[in-house]
């Protein structure tokens, strides 16, 4: 072997030893949408607990919630129903947007979900409890933090570094008659937050408006849907980040943006780079929305978990699960390395 080629080979080998993330034994490969066809769901939420991933989403809106589990965020095994409607259930339909959190003060898992008591009732948020992320979950507050005359969906629990819990949710409604042609109204969604008591039983103070449709890409003048919804909040250093979805979930205009704040109750400032992920017909990708976050198996990489339309040409409520890497620049600006439709690496 020529000396120059031998030297080059040695440099490559040393580089691989110094950067284990680049060796084939230290990463896995995934391709979106992840999982089998059965992972067709909206509002995917991933809980990582003791090196195991648990996936929940809107799958059986008339029955309850199922779950899947994984060792690597890529290959999923069905768990079955973790919460299933029965004769004593508060909700009768519209079982949407589940989240499961391990709440350390209680050493228990909590399921937050949207439902309706009956066809005449407003949408509301409920809370159920279990000793296991695989359920079964039993209702504890139905409804949870009820507010008279407010239809509410997409409950999200955020617990700050000082252990203070907060509930984020969407106030939703209809103005006029958006179903008429031409439309004489619109749907709306506004994200609110409220501090919770340490035992999660009640709100502390009044809900605070965090976000509503204001940016041009969010359709603030739309005669169809003026929505901000599906929030997820995390803290990085002294700054709080909130991702949210805008527009209508069944339309190609659906996308994800983010805002930052000095405190969970705001004020929240939307990023000038929004949306951070949107429809891209060139890769047959449509309607990204309602995300959660988790980390790679080794905990070193951050990933967004989100849905997109199952049929990009015919957007609807049928959706599939995607994951893509999230990175930050030196100024704290967040960027999604996606959407992707080709093979991607994830660290083990």
C-alpha atoms as a PDB file:
ATOM      1  CA  UNK A   1       0.000   0.000   0.000  1.00  0.00           C
ATOM      2  CA  UNK A   2       1.428   3.407  -0.934  1.00  0.00           C
ATOM      3  CA  UNK A   3       2.593   5.418   2.137  1.00  0.00           C
ATOM      4  CA  UNK A   4       0.162   8.274   1.426  1.00  0.00           C
ATOM      5  CA  UNK A   5      -2.839   5.911   1.230  1.00  0.00           C
ATOM      6  CA  UNK A   6      -1.719   4.137   4.402  1.00  0.00           C
ATOM      7  CA  UNK A   7      -1.482   7.475   6.226  1.00  0.00           C
ATOM      8  CA  UNK A   8      -4.973   8.439   5.067  1.00  0.00           C
ATOM      9  CA  UNK A   9      -6.395   5.127   6.286  1.00  0.00           C
ATOM     10  CA  UNK A  10      -4.789   5.611   9.711  1.00  0.00           C
ATOM     11  CA  UNK A  11      -6.273   9.107   9.988  1.00  0.00           C
ATOM     12  CA  UNK A  12      -9.762   7.756   9.206  1.00  0.00           C
ATOM     13  CA  UNK A  13      -9.422   4.974  11.795  1.00  0.00           C
ATOM     14  CA  UNK A  14      -8.248   7.412  14.479  1.00  0.00           C
ATOM     15  CA  UNK A  15     -11.122   9.783  13.667  1.00  0.00           C
ATOM     16  CA  UNK A  16     -13.619   6.960  14.064  1.00  0.00           C
ATOM     17  CA  UNK A  17     -12.105   6.013  17.432  1.00  0.00           C
ATOM     18  CA  UNK A  18     -12.329   9.605  18.639  1.00  0.00           C
ATOM     19  CA  UNK A  19     -15.898   9.975  17.327  1.00  0.00           C
ATOM     20  CA  UNK A  20     -17.744   6.814  18.320  1.00  0.00           C
ATOM     21  CA  UNK A  21     -21.023   8.284  17.081  1.00  0.00           C
ATOM     22  CA  UNK A  22     -19.670   7.864  13.564  1.00  0.00           C
ATOM     23  CA  UNK A  23     -18.944   4.115  13.867  1.00  0.00           C
ATOM     24  CA  UNK A  24     -21.526   1.610  12.647  1.00  0.00           C
ATOM     25  CA  UNK A  25     -21.689  -0.076  16.065  1.00  0.00           C
ATOM     26  CA  UNK A  26     -22.778   3.089  17.861  1.00  0.00           C
ATOM     27  CA  UNK A  27     -25.797   4.136  15.843  1.00  0.00           C
ATOM     28  CA  UNK A  28     -29.085   2.812  14.474  1.00  0.00           C
ATOM     29  CA  UNK A  29     -30.877   3.769  11.276  1.00  0.00           C
ATOM     30  CA  UNK A  30     -34.482   4.863  10.881  1.00  0.00           C
ATOM     31  CA  UNK A  31     -36.648   6.117   8.042  1.00  0.00           C
ATOM     32  CA  UNK A  32     -39.860   8.112   8.315  1.00  0.00           C
ATOM     33  CA  UNK A  33     -42.636   7.420   8.819  1.00  0.00           C
ATOM     34  CA  UNK A  34     -41.499   5.005  11.526  1.00  0.00           C
ATOM     35  CA  UNK A  35     -43.083   1.728  12.530  1.00  0.00           C
ATOM     36  CA  UNK A  36     -45.556  -0.474  10.745  1.00  0.00           C
ATOM     37  CA  UNK A  37     -48.908   0.598   9.317  1.00  0.00           C
ATOM     38  CA  UNK A  38     -50.479   0.085  12.750  1.00  0.00           C
ATOM     39  CA  UNK A  39     -48.602   3.158  13.968  1.00  0.00           C
ATOM     40  CA  UNK A  40     -51.135   5.287  12.124  1.00  0.00           C
ATOM     41  CA  UNK A  41     -52.100   7.871  14.720  1.00  0.00           C
ATOM     42  CA  UNK A  42     -52.357  11.550  15.434  1.00  0.00           C
ATOM     43  CA  UNK A  43     -50.851  13.495  18.342  1.00  0.00           C
ATOM     44  CA  UNK A  44     -47.993  11.068  19.112  1.00  0.00           C
ATOM     45  CA  UNK A  45     -46.531  11.333  22.592  1.00  0.00           C
ATOM     46  CA  UNK A  46     -43.420   9.433  23.696  1.00  0.00           C
ATOM     47  CA  UNK A  47     -42.496   8.781  27.321  1.00  0.00           C
ATOM     48  CA  UNK A  48     -38.944   7.565  27.988  1.00  0.00           C
ATOM     49  CA  UNK A  49     -38.767   5.717  31.289  1.00  0.00           C
ATOM     50  CA  UNK A  50     -35.928   3.482  32.529  1.00  0.00           C
ATOM     51  CA  UNK A  51     -34.398   3.051  29.069  1.00  0.00           C
ATOM     52  CA  UNK A  52     -37.743   2.062  27.547  1.00  0.00           C
ATOM     53  CA  UNK A  53     -39.894   4.169  25.224  1.00  0.00           C
ATOM     54  CA  UNK A  54     -43.687   4.222  25.372  1.00  0.00           C
ATOM     55  CA  UNK A  55     -45.754   5.674  22.534  1.00  0.00           C
ATOM     56  CA  UNK A  56     -49.323   6.933  22.893  1.00  0.00           C
ATOM     57  CA  UNK A  57     -51.559   8.755  20.430  1.00  0.00           C
ATOM     58  CA  UNK A  58     -55.042   9.383  19.073  1.00  0.00           C
ATOM     59  CA  UNK A  59     -55.916   5.956  17.682  1.00  0.00           C
ATOM     60  CA  UNK A  60     -59.317   4.785  18.909  1.00  0.00           C
ATOM     61  CA  UNK A  61     -61.268   7.998  19.449  1.00  0.00           C
ATOM     62  CA  UNK A  62     -64.430   6.131  20.400  1.00  0.00           C
ATOM     63  CA  UNK A  63     -62.825   3.630  22.798  1.00  0.00           C
ATOM     64  CA  UNK A  64     -59.757   5.004  24.580  1.00  0.00           C
ATOM     65  CA  UNK A  65     -55.992   4.752  24.173  1.00  0.00           C
ATOM     66  CA  UNK A  66     -53.533   2.090  23.125  1.00  0.00           C
ATOM     67  CA  UNK A  67     -49.769   2.076  23.564  1.00  0.00           C
ATOM     68  CA  UNK A  68     -46.598   0.677  22.014  1.00  0.00           C
ATOM     69  CA  UNK A  69     -43.161   0.165  23.550  1.00  0.00           C
ATOM     70  CA  UNK A  70     -39.634   0.161  22.172  1.00  0.00           C
ATOM     71  CA  UNK A  71     -36.004  -0.174  23.208  1.00  0.00           C
ATOM     72  CA  UNK A  72     -34.684   2.133  20.492  1.00  0.00           C
ATOM     73  CA  UNK A  73     -37.436   4.578  19.361  1.00  0.00           C
ATOM     74  CA  UNK A  74     -37.576   2.806  15.982  1.00  0.00           C
ATOM     75  CA  UNK A  75     -38.970  -0.719  16.402  1.00  0.00           C
ATOM     76  CA  UNK A  76     -42.268  -0.867  18.291  1.00  0.00           C
ATOM     77  CA  UNK A  77     -44.197  -3.641  20.033  1.00  0.00           C
ATOM     78  CA  UNK A  78     -47.916  -3.306  20.710  1.00  0.00           C
ATOM     79  CA  UNK A  79     -48.915  -3.103  24.391  1.00  0.00           C
ATOM     80  CA  UNK A  80     -52.666  -2.886  23.845  1.00  0.00           C
ATOM     81  CA  UNK A  81     -55.188  -0.633  25.549  1.00  0.00           C
ATOM     82  CA  UNK A  82     -53.798   1.308  28.518  1.00  0.00           C
ATOM     83  CA  UNK A  83     -57.129   3.082  28.990  1.00  0.00           C
ATOM     84  CA  UNK A  84     -60.399   1.674  27.637  1.00  0.00           C
ATOM     85  CA  UNK A  85     -63.883   3.131  27.957  1.00  0.00           C
ATOM     86  CA  UNK A  86     -66.306   1.145  30.105  1.00  0.00           C
ATOM     87  CA  UNK A  87     -69.767   1.600  31.611  1.00  0.00           C
ATOM     88  CA  UNK A  88     -68.459   3.793  34.435  1.00  0.00           C
ATOM     89  CA  UNK A  89     -66.256   6.034  32.285  1.00  0.00           C
ATOM     90  CA  UNK A  90     -66.815   9.788  32.307  1.00  0.00           C
ATOM     91  CA  UNK A  91     -66.080  10.163  28.594  1.00  0.00           C
ATOM     92  CA  UNK A  92     -68.146   8.661  25.806  1.00  0.00           C
ATOM     93  CA  UNK A  93     -66.291   9.806  22.672  1.00  0.00           C
ATOM     94  CA  UNK A  94     -63.538  12.041  21.266  1.00  0.00           C
ATOM     95  CA  UNK A  95     -60.702  10.318  23.112  1.00  0.00           C
ATOM     96  CA  UNK A  96     -57.865  12.499  21.801  1.00  0.00           C
ATOM     97  CA  UNK A  97     -54.296  13.623  22.426  1.00  0.00           C
ATOM     98  CA  UNK A  98     -53.063  11.402  25.301  1.00  0.00           C
ATOM     99  CA  UNK A  99     -49.933  12.214  27.274  1.00  0.00           C
ATOM    100  CA  UNK A 100     -48.380  10.028  29.976  1.00  0.00           C
ATOM    101  CA  UNK A 101     -45.962  11.480  32.551  1.00  0.00           C
ATOM    102  CA  UNK A 102     -44.155   9.966  35.486  1.00  0.00           C
ATOM    103  CA  UNK A 103     -44.839  12.354  38.385  1.00  0.00           C
ATOM    104  CA  UNK A 104     -42.018  11.831  40.865  1.00  0.00           C
ATOM    105  CA  UNK A 105     -43.722  13.317  43.968  1.00  0.00           C
ATOM    106  CA  UNK A 106     -46.443  10.653  43.719  1.00  0.00           C
ATOM    107  CA  UNK A 107     -44.240   7.899  42.236  1.00  0.00           C
ATOM    108  CA  UNK A 108     -47.031   7.302  39.742  1.00  0.00           C
ATOM    109  CA  UNK A 109     -47.869   7.704  36.071  1.00  0.00           C
ATOM    110  CA  UNK A 110     -50.558  10.117  34.933  1.00  0.00           C
ATOM    111  CA  UNK A 111     -52.540  10.019  31.693  1.00  0.00           C
ATOM    112  CA  UNK A 112     -53.856  13.375  30.458  1.00  0.00           C
ATOM    113  CA  UNK A 113     -56.475  13.132  27.746  1.00  0.00           C
ATOM    114  CA  UNK A 114     -59.306  14.914  25.941  1.00  0.00           C
ATOM    115  CA  UNK A 115     -62.866  13.567  25.790  1.00  0.00           C
ATOM    116  CA  UNK A 116     -66.580  14.441  25.797  1.00  0.00           C
ATOM    117  CA  UNK A 117     -69.107  13.281  28.381  1.00  0.00           C
ATOM    118  CA  UNK A 118     -71.855  13.085  25.772  1.00  0.00           C
ATOM    119  CA  UNK A 119     -72.817  14.603  22.436  1.00  0.00           C
ATOM    120  CA  UNK A 120     -74.236  17.718  24.100  1.00  0.00           C
ATOM    121  CA  UNK A 121     -71.195  18.382  26.273  1.00  0.00           C
ATOM    122  CA  UNK A 122     -68.136  20.503  25.608  1.00  0.00           C
ATOM    123  CA  UNK A 123     -64.773  18.897  25.019  1.00  0.00           C
ATOM    124  CA  UNK A 124     -62.789  18.707  28.246  1.00  0.00           C
ATOM    125  CA  UNK A 125     -59.568  17.341  29.740  1.00  0.00           C
ATOM    126  CA  UNK A 126     -59.357  14.467  32.219  1.00  0.00           C
ATOM    127  CA  UNK A 127     -56.634  12.917  34.364  1.00  0.00           C
ATOM    128  CA  UNK A 128     -56.098   9.206  35.063  1.00  0.00           C
ATOM    129  CA  UNK A 129     -53.495   7.387  37.150  1.00  0.00           C
ATOM    130  CA  UNK A 130     -51.557   4.106  37.044  1.00  0.00           C
ATOM    131  CA  UNK A 131     -48.591   2.422  38.696  1.00  0.00           C
ATOM    132  CA  UNK A 132     -47.243   1.450  35.280  1.00  0.00           C
ATOM    133  CA  UNK A 133     -46.757   3.233  31.930  1.00  0.00           C
ATOM    134  CA  UNK A 134     -48.585   0.250  30.410  1.00  0.00           C
ATOM    135  CA  UNK A 135     -51.682   0.917  32.515  1.00  0.00           C
ATOM    136  CA  UNK A 136     -54.388   0.238  33.246  1.00  0.00           C
ATOM    137  CA  UNK A 137     -55.093   3.897  33.961  1.00  0.00           C
ATOM    138  CA  UNK A 138     -57.940   4.772  36.330  1.00  0.00           C
ATOM    139  CA  UNK A 139     -59.646   8.162  36.281  1.00  0.00           C
ATOM    140  CA  UNK A 140     -58.900  10.487  39.193  1.00  0.00           C
ATOM    141  CA  UNK A 141     -60.230  13.866  37.983  1.00  0.00           C
ATOM    142  CA  UNK A 142     -63.053  13.997  35.419  1.00  0.00           C
ATOM    143  CA  UNK A 143     -63.044  16.685  34.276  1.00  0.00           C
ATOM    144  CA  UNK A 144     -59.687  18.084  35.365  1.00  0.00           C
ATOM    145  CA  UNK A 145     -59.360  21.802  36.173  1.00  0.00           C
ATOM    146  CA  UNK A 146     -62.802  22.395  34.681  1.00  0.00           C
ATOM    147  CA  UNK A 147     -63.628  25.908  33.501  1.00  0.00           C
ATOM    148  CA  UNK A 148     -67.276  26.704  32.879  1.00  0.00           C
ATOM    149  CA  UNK A 149     -68.221  27.371  29.250  1.00  0.00           C
ATOM    150  CA  UNK A 150     -64.692  26.588  27.964  1.00  0.00           C
ATOM    151  CA  UNK A 151     -64.189  23.740  25.516  1.00  0.00           C
ATOM    152  CA  UNK A 152     -60.649  22.480  26.156  1.00  0.00           C
ATOM    153  CA  UNK A 153     -58.356  20.009  24.410  1.00  0.00           C
ATOM    154  CA  UNK A 154     -54.684  18.958  24.209  1.00  0.00           C
ATOM    155  CA  UNK A 155     -53.696  18.993  27.885  1.00  0.00           C
ATOM    156  CA  UNK A 156     -49.944  19.080  28.516  1.00  0.00           C
ATOM    157  CA  UNK A 157     -48.187  18.740  31.890  1.00  0.00           C
ATOM    158  CA  UNK A 158     -44.917  20.589  32.445  1.00  0.00           C
ATOM    159  CA  UNK A 159     -43.010  20.275  35.742  1.00  0.00           C
ATOM    160  CA  UNK A 160     -40.335  22.935  36.305  1.00  0.00           C
ATOM    161  CA  UNK A 161     -36.924  22.431  37.930  1.00  0.00           C
ATOM    162  CA  UNK A 162     -38.336  23.581  41.275  1.00  0.00           C
ATOM    163  CA  UNK A 163     -41.041  20.852  41.004  1.00  0.00           C
ATOM    164  CA  UNK A 164     -43.842  23.351  40.291  1.00  0.00           C
ATOM    165  CA  UNK A 165     -46.362  21.724  37.912  1.00  0.00           C
ATOM    166  CA  UNK A 166     -48.174  23.606  35.141  1.00  0.00           C
ATOM    167  CA  UNK A 167     -51.018  22.613  32.852  1.00  0.00           C
ATOM    168  CA  UNK A 168     -51.023  23.864  29.264  1.00  0.00           C
ATOM    169  CA  UNK A 169     -54.179  23.405  27.186  1.00  0.00           C
ATOM    170  CA  UNK A 170     -56.136  24.766  24.225  1.00  0.00           C
ATOM    171  CA  UNK A 171     -59.321  26.732  24.538  1.00  0.00           C
ATOM    172  CA  UNK A 172     -61.233  25.952  21.331  1.00  0.00           C
ATOM    173  CA  UNK A 173     -64.442  27.154  19.774  1.00  0.00           C
ATOM    174  CA  UNK A 174     -66.341  28.386  16.740  1.00  0.00           C
ATOM    175  CA  UNK A 175     -67.186  31.904  15.609  1.00  0.00           C
ATOM    176  CA  UNK A 176     -70.053  32.166  13.126  1.00  0.00           C
ATOM    177  CA  UNK A 177     -70.628  29.340  10.636  1.00  0.00           C
ATOM    178  CA  UNK A 178     -67.360  28.181   9.024  1.00  0.00           C
ATOM    179  CA  UNK A 179     -69.141  25.183   7.446  1.00  0.00           C
ATOM    180  CA  UNK A 180     -71.211  27.429   5.175  1.00  0.00           C
ATOM    181  CA  UNK A 181     -70.103  28.131   1.592  1.00  0.00           C
ATOM    182  CA  UNK A 182     -68.829  30.746   1.517  1.00  0.00           C
ATOM    183  CA  UNK A 183     -67.743  30.579   5.140  1.00  0.00           C
ATOM    184  CA  UNK A 184     -69.237  33.084   7.550  1.00  0.00           C
ATOM    185  CA  UNK A 185     -66.997  32.167  10.476  1.00  0.00           C
ATOM    186  CA  UNK A 186     -63.967  30.206  11.652  1.00  0.00           C
ATOM    187  CA  UNK A 187     -62.646  27.708  14.167  1.00  0.00           C
ATOM    188  CA  UNK A 188     -60.223  29.018  16.773  1.00  0.00           C
ATOM    189  CA  UNK A 189     -57.703  27.613  19.206  1.00  0.00           C
ATOM    190  CA  UNK A 190     -55.802  29.498  21.916  1.00  0.00           C
ATOM    191  CA  UNK A 191     -53.101  28.044  24.179  1.00  0.00           C
ATOM    192  CA  UNK A 192     -53.465  28.785  27.894  1.00  0.00           C
ATOM    193  CA  UNK A 193     -51.403  27.784  30.941  1.00  0.00           C
ATOM    194  CA  UNK A 194     -52.096  27.636  34.652  1.00  0.00           C
ATOM    195  CA  UNK A 195     -50.048  26.660  37.689  1.00  0.00           C
ATOM    196  CA  UNK A 196     -51.189  23.513  39.496  1.00  0.00           C
ATOM    197  CA  UNK A 197     -51.215  22.534  43.133  1.00  0.00           C
ATOM    198  CA  UNK A 198     -48.405  20.102  44.061  1.00  0.00           C
ATOM    199  CA  UNK A 199     -50.929  17.242  44.296  1.00  0.00           C
ATOM    200  CA  UNK A 200     -52.288  18.161  40.821  1.00  0.00           C
ATOM    201  CA  UNK A 201     -55.819  18.423  42.207  1.00  0.00           C
ATOM    202  CA  UNK A 202     -56.588  22.041  41.342  1.00  0.00           C
ATOM    203  CA  UNK A 203     -55.348  25.196  39.659  1.00  0.00           C
ATOM    204  CA  UNK A 204     -53.420  27.907  41.460  1.00  0.00           C
ATOM    205  CA  UNK A 205     -54.554  31.236  40.038  1.00  0.00           C
ATOM    206  CA  UNK A 206     -56.271  31.945  36.724  1.00  0.00           C
ATOM    207  CA  UNK A 207     -55.299  30.577  33.284  1.00  0.00           C
ATOM    208  CA  UNK A 208     -52.989  32.855  31.258  1.00  0.00           C
ATOM    209  CA  UNK A 209     -53.143  33.230  27.483  1.00  0.00           C
ATOM    210  CA  UNK A 210     -49.829  32.053  25.987  1.00  0.00           C
ATOM    211  CA  UNK A 211     -50.370  31.876  22.237  1.00  0.00           C
ATOM    212  CA  UNK A 212     -52.963  32.360  19.493  1.00  0.00           C
ATOM    213  CA  UNK A 213     -52.883  32.721  15.706  1.00  0.00           C
ATOM    214  CA  UNK A 214     -51.006  35.949  14.980  1.00  0.00           C
ATOM    215  CA  UNK A 215     -48.264  35.192  12.423  1.00  0.00           C
ATOM    216  CA  UNK A 216     -49.118  35.209   8.728  1.00  0.00           C
ATOM    217  CA  UNK A 217     -48.365  31.478   8.283  1.00  0.00           C
ATOM    218  CA  UNK A 218     -50.856  30.692  11.075  1.00  0.00           C
ATOM    219  CA  UNK A 219     -53.830  32.172   9.193  1.00  0.00           C
ATOM    220  CA  UNK A 220     -54.926  34.855  11.671  1.00  0.00           C
ATOM    221  CA  UNK A 221     -57.530  36.123   9.161  1.00  0.00           C
ATOM    222  CA  UNK A 222     -58.592  32.687   7.891  1.00  0.00           C
ATOM    223  CA  UNK A 223     -62.298  32.030   7.406  1.00  0.00           C
ATOM    224  CA  UNK A 224     -61.667  28.369   8.185  1.00  0.00           C
ATOM    225  CA  UNK A 225     -59.274  27.861  11.113  1.00  0.00           C
ATOM    226  CA  UNK A 226     -57.354  30.299  13.329  1.00  0.00           C
ATOM    227  CA  UNK A 227     -55.687  27.826  15.637  1.00  0.00           C
ATOM    228  CA  UNK A 228     -52.667  27.461  17.868  1.00  0.00           C
ATOM    229  CA  UNK A 229     -52.817  24.068  19.585  1.00  0.00           C
ATOM    230  CA  UNK A 230     -50.947  20.964  20.746  1.00  0.00           C
ATOM    231  CA  UNK A 231     -48.337  22.634  22.959  1.00  0.00           C
ATOM    232  CA  UNK A 232     -45.253  20.959  24.423  1.00  0.00           C
ATOM    233  CA  UNK A 233     -42.994  22.801  26.877  1.00  0.00           C
ATOM    234  CA  UNK A 234     -39.431  22.148  28.007  1.00  0.00           C
ATOM    235  CA  UNK A 235     -36.694  24.129  29.714  1.00  0.00           C
ATOM    236  CA  UNK A 236     -33.158  24.655  28.447  1.00  0.00           C
ATOM    237  CA  UNK A 237     -30.995  26.626  30.842  1.00  0.00           C
ATOM    238  CA  UNK A 238     -33.021  29.641  31.953  1.00  0.00           C
ATOM    239  CA  UNK A 239     -35.173  29.710  28.831  1.00  0.00           C
ATOM    240  CA  UNK A 240     -38.500  27.961  28.282  1.00  0.00           C
ATOM    241  CA  UNK A 241     -39.460  26.592  24.870  1.00  0.00           C
ATOM    242  CA  UNK A 242     -42.994  25.855  23.707  1.00  0.00           C
ATOM    243  CA  UNK A 243     -43.739  24.134  20.425  1.00  0.00           C
ATOM    244  CA  UNK A 244     -47.238  24.392  18.984  1.00  0.00           C
ATOM    245  CA  UNK A 245     -49.187  23.527  15.846  1.00  0.00           C
ATOM    246  CA  UNK A 246     -51.096  26.026  13.712  1.00  0.00           C
ATOM    247  CA  UNK A 247     -53.919  25.917  11.144  1.00  0.00           C
ATOM    248  CA  UNK A 248     -56.238  22.897  10.705  1.00  0.00           C
ATOM    249  CA  UNK A 249     -54.911  19.390  11.387  1.00  0.00           C
ATOM    250  CA  UNK A 250     -56.468  17.889   8.251  1.00  0.00           C
ATOM    251  CA  UNK A 251     -55.092  20.545   5.887  1.00  0.00           C
ATOM    252  CA  UNK A 252     -51.658  20.764   4.203  1.00  0.00           C
ATOM    253  CA  UNK A 253     -51.177  24.198   5.825  1.00  0.00           C
ATOM    254  CA  UNK A 254     -50.753  22.510   9.217  1.00  0.00           C
ATOM    255  CA  UNK A 255     -47.254  23.045  10.638  1.00  0.00           C
ATOM    256  CA  UNK A 256     -45.179  23.437  13.793  1.00  0.00           C
ATOM    257  CA  UNK A 257     -43.696  26.576  15.291  1.00  0.00           C
ATOM    258  CA  UNK A 258     -42.122  27.459  18.603  1.00  0.00           C
ATOM    259  CA  UNK A 259     -41.948  30.292  21.104  1.00  0.00           C
ATOM    260  CA  UNK A 260     -39.695  31.106  24.060  1.00  0.00           C
ATOM    261  CA  UNK A 261     -40.316  32.733  27.437  1.00  0.00           C
ATOM    262  CA  UNK A 262     -38.541  33.618  30.699  1.00  0.00           C
ATOM    263  CA  UNK A 263     -41.266  31.843  32.720  1.00  0.00           C
ATOM    264  CA  UNK A 264     -43.793  29.070  32.019  1.00  0.00           C
ATOM    265  CA  UNK A 265     -46.632  31.607  32.163  1.00  0.00           C
ATOM    266  CA  UNK A 266     -44.847  33.871  29.684  1.00  0.00           C
ATOM    267  CA  UNK A 267     -44.742  36.228  28.056  1.00  0.00           C
ATOM    268  CA  UNK A 268     -44.120  33.958  25.063  1.00  0.00           C
ATOM    269  CA  UNK A 269     -42.304  35.265  21.970  1.00  0.00           C
ATOM    270  CA  UNK A 270     -42.676  33.366  18.694  1.00  0.00           C
ATOM    271  CA  UNK A 271     -39.592  32.539  16.666  1.00  0.00           C
ATOM    272  CA  UNK A 272     -38.963  34.498  13.475  1.00  0.00           C
ATOM    273  CA  UNK A 273     -37.915  31.179  11.904  1.00  0.00           C
ATOM    274  CA  UNK A 274     -41.399  29.646  12.188  1.00  0.00           C
ATOM    275  CA  UNK A 275     -42.656  27.301  10.985  1.00  0.00           C
ATOM    276  CA  UNK A 276     -39.770  24.989  11.816  1.00  0.00           C
ATOM    277  CA  UNK A 277     -41.433  22.152   9.884  1.00  0.00           C
ATOM    278  CA  UNK A 278     -44.114  22.414   7.199  1.00  0.00           C
ATOM    279  CA  UNK A 279     -45.557  20.595   4.191  1.00  0.00           C
ATOM    280  CA  UNK A 280     -43.001  19.691   1.522  1.00  0.00           C
ATOM    281  CA  UNK A 281     -44.609  18.121  -1.541  1.00  0.00           C
ATOM    282  CA  UNK A 282     -41.194  17.496  -3.136  1.00  0.00           C
ATOM    283  CA  UNK A 283     -40.657  14.651  -0.633  1.00  0.00           C
ATOM    284  CA  UNK A 284     -44.345  13.650  -0.427  1.00  0.00           C
ATOM    285  CA  UNK A 285     -44.735  15.078   3.059  1.00  0.00           C
ATOM    286  CA  UNK A 286     -47.804  16.916   4.369  1.00  0.00           C
ATOM    287  CA  UNK A 287     -49.297  18.384   7.522  1.00  0.00           C
ATOM    288  CA  UNK A 288     -46.725  17.979  10.336  1.00  0.00           C
ATOM    289  CA  UNK A 289     -48.151  18.667  13.764  1.00  0.00           C
ATOM    290  CA  UNK A 290     -48.821  17.969  17.457  1.00  0.00           C
ATOM    291  CA  UNK A 291     -45.383  16.924  18.594  1.00  0.00           C
ATOM    292  CA  UNK A 292     -43.575  15.724  21.692  1.00  0.00           C
ATOM    293  CA  UNK A 293     -39.863  15.425  22.477  1.00  0.00           C
ATOM    294  CA  UNK A 294     -37.587  12.671  23.682  1.00  0.00           C
ATOM    295  CA  UNK A 295     -33.895  11.722  23.535  1.00  0.00           C
ATOM    296  CA  UNK A 296     -31.849   9.086  21.729  1.00  0.00           C
ATOM    297  CA  UNK A 297     -31.182   5.814  23.600  1.00  0.00           C
ATOM    298  CA  UNK A 298     -27.851   7.175  24.873  1.00  0.00           C
ATOM    299  CA  UNK A 299     -29.537  10.415  25.964  1.00  0.00           C
ATOM    300  CA  UNK A 300     -27.195  12.627  23.926  1.00  0.00           C
ATOM    301  CA  UNK A 301     -29.489  13.613  21.048  1.00  0.00           C
ATOM    302  CA  UNK A 302     -32.873  15.325  21.186  1.00  0.00           C
ATOM    303  CA  UNK A 303     -35.667  14.158  18.890  1.00  0.00           C
ATOM    304  CA  UNK A 304     -39.042  15.573  17.964  1.00  0.00           C
ATOM    305  CA  UNK A 305     -41.850  13.037  17.588  1.00  0.00           C
ATOM    306  CA  UNK A 306     -44.680  14.315  15.387  1.00  0.00           C
ATOM    307  CA  UNK A 307     -47.380  13.221  12.982  1.00  0.00           C
ATOM    308  CA  UNK A 308     -47.865  13.868   9.273  1.00  0.00           C
ATOM    309  CA  UNK A 309     -50.681  12.999   6.898  1.00  0.00           C
ATOM    310  CA  UNK A 310     -50.774   9.311   5.947  1.00  0.00           C
ATOM    311  CA  UNK A 311     -51.695  10.252   2.366  1.00  0.00           C
ATOM    312  CA  UNK A 312     -49.859  13.433   1.407  1.00  0.00           C
ATOM    313  CA  UNK A 313     -52.020  13.906  -1.698  1.00  0.00           C
ATOM    314  CA  UNK A 314     -55.273  13.567   0.229  1.00  0.00           C
ATOM    315  CA  UNK A 315     -54.736  15.103   3.697  1.00  0.00           C
ATOM    316  CA  UNK A 316     -57.174  13.973   6.386  1.00  0.00           C
ATOM    317  CA  UNK A 317     -57.333  12.814   9.969  1.00  0.00           C
ATOM    318  CA  UNK A 318     -55.334   9.699   9.034  1.00  0.00           C
ATOM    319  CA  UNK A 319     -51.752  10.319  10.197  1.00  0.00           C
ATOM    320  CA  UNK A 320     -48.393   8.578  10.665  1.00  0.00           C
ATOM    321  CA  UNK A 321     -45.557   8.959  13.207  1.00  0.00           C
ATOM    322  CA  UNK A 322     -42.231  10.664  12.402  1.00  0.00           C
ATOM    323  CA  UNK A 323     -39.077  11.369  14.384  1.00  0.00           C
ATOM    324  CA  UNK A 324     -36.353  13.871  13.518  1.00  0.00           C
ATOM    325  CA  UNK A 325     -33.346  15.353  15.300  1.00  0.00           C
ATOM    326  CA  UNK A 326     -33.506  18.771  16.982  1.00  0.00           C
ATOM    327  CA  UNK A 327     -30.445  21.021  17.310  1.00  0.00           C
ATOM    328  CA  UNK A 328     -29.733  24.474  18.772  1.00  0.00           C
ATOM    329  CA  UNK A 329     -27.341  27.191  17.625  1.00  0.00           C
ATOM    330  CA  UNK A 330     -25.142  29.337  19.881  1.00  0.00           C
ATOM    331  CA  UNK A 331     -28.012  31.797  20.394  1.00  0.00           C
ATOM    332  CA  UNK A 332     -30.462  29.136  21.511  1.00  0.00           C
ATOM    333  CA  UNK A 333     -32.423  29.092  18.259  1.00  0.00           C
ATOM    334  CA  UNK A 334     -34.010  25.693  17.691  1.00  0.00           C
ATOM    335  CA  UNK A 335     -33.954  23.868  14.367  1.00  0.00           C
ATOM    336  CA  UNK A 336     -35.420  20.575  13.220  1.00  0.00           C
ATOM    337  CA  UNK A 337     -33.152  18.560  10.943  1.00  0.00           C
ATOM    338  CA  UNK A 338     -36.081  17.554   8.788  1.00  0.00           C
ATOM    339  CA  UNK A 339     -38.582  16.638   7.647  1.00  0.00           C
ATOM    340  CA  UNK A 340     -36.768  13.568   6.383  1.00  0.00           C
ATOM    341  CA  UNK A 341     -37.839  10.725   4.127  1.00  0.00           C
ATOM    342  CA  UNK A 342     -34.450   9.074   3.698  1.00  0.00           C
ATOM    343  CA  UNK A 343     -32.444   6.824   6.036  1.00  0.00           C
ATOM    344  CA  UNK A 344     -31.209   8.707   9.130  1.00  0.00           C
ATOM    345  CA  UNK A 345     -28.863   7.879  12.017  1.00  0.00           C
ATOM    346  CA  UNK A 346     -29.698   7.857  15.700  1.00  0.00           C
ATOM    347  CA  UNK A 347     -27.134   7.206  18.432  1.00  0.00           C
ATOM    348  CA  UNK A 348     -27.629   4.019  20.452  1.00  0.00           C
END
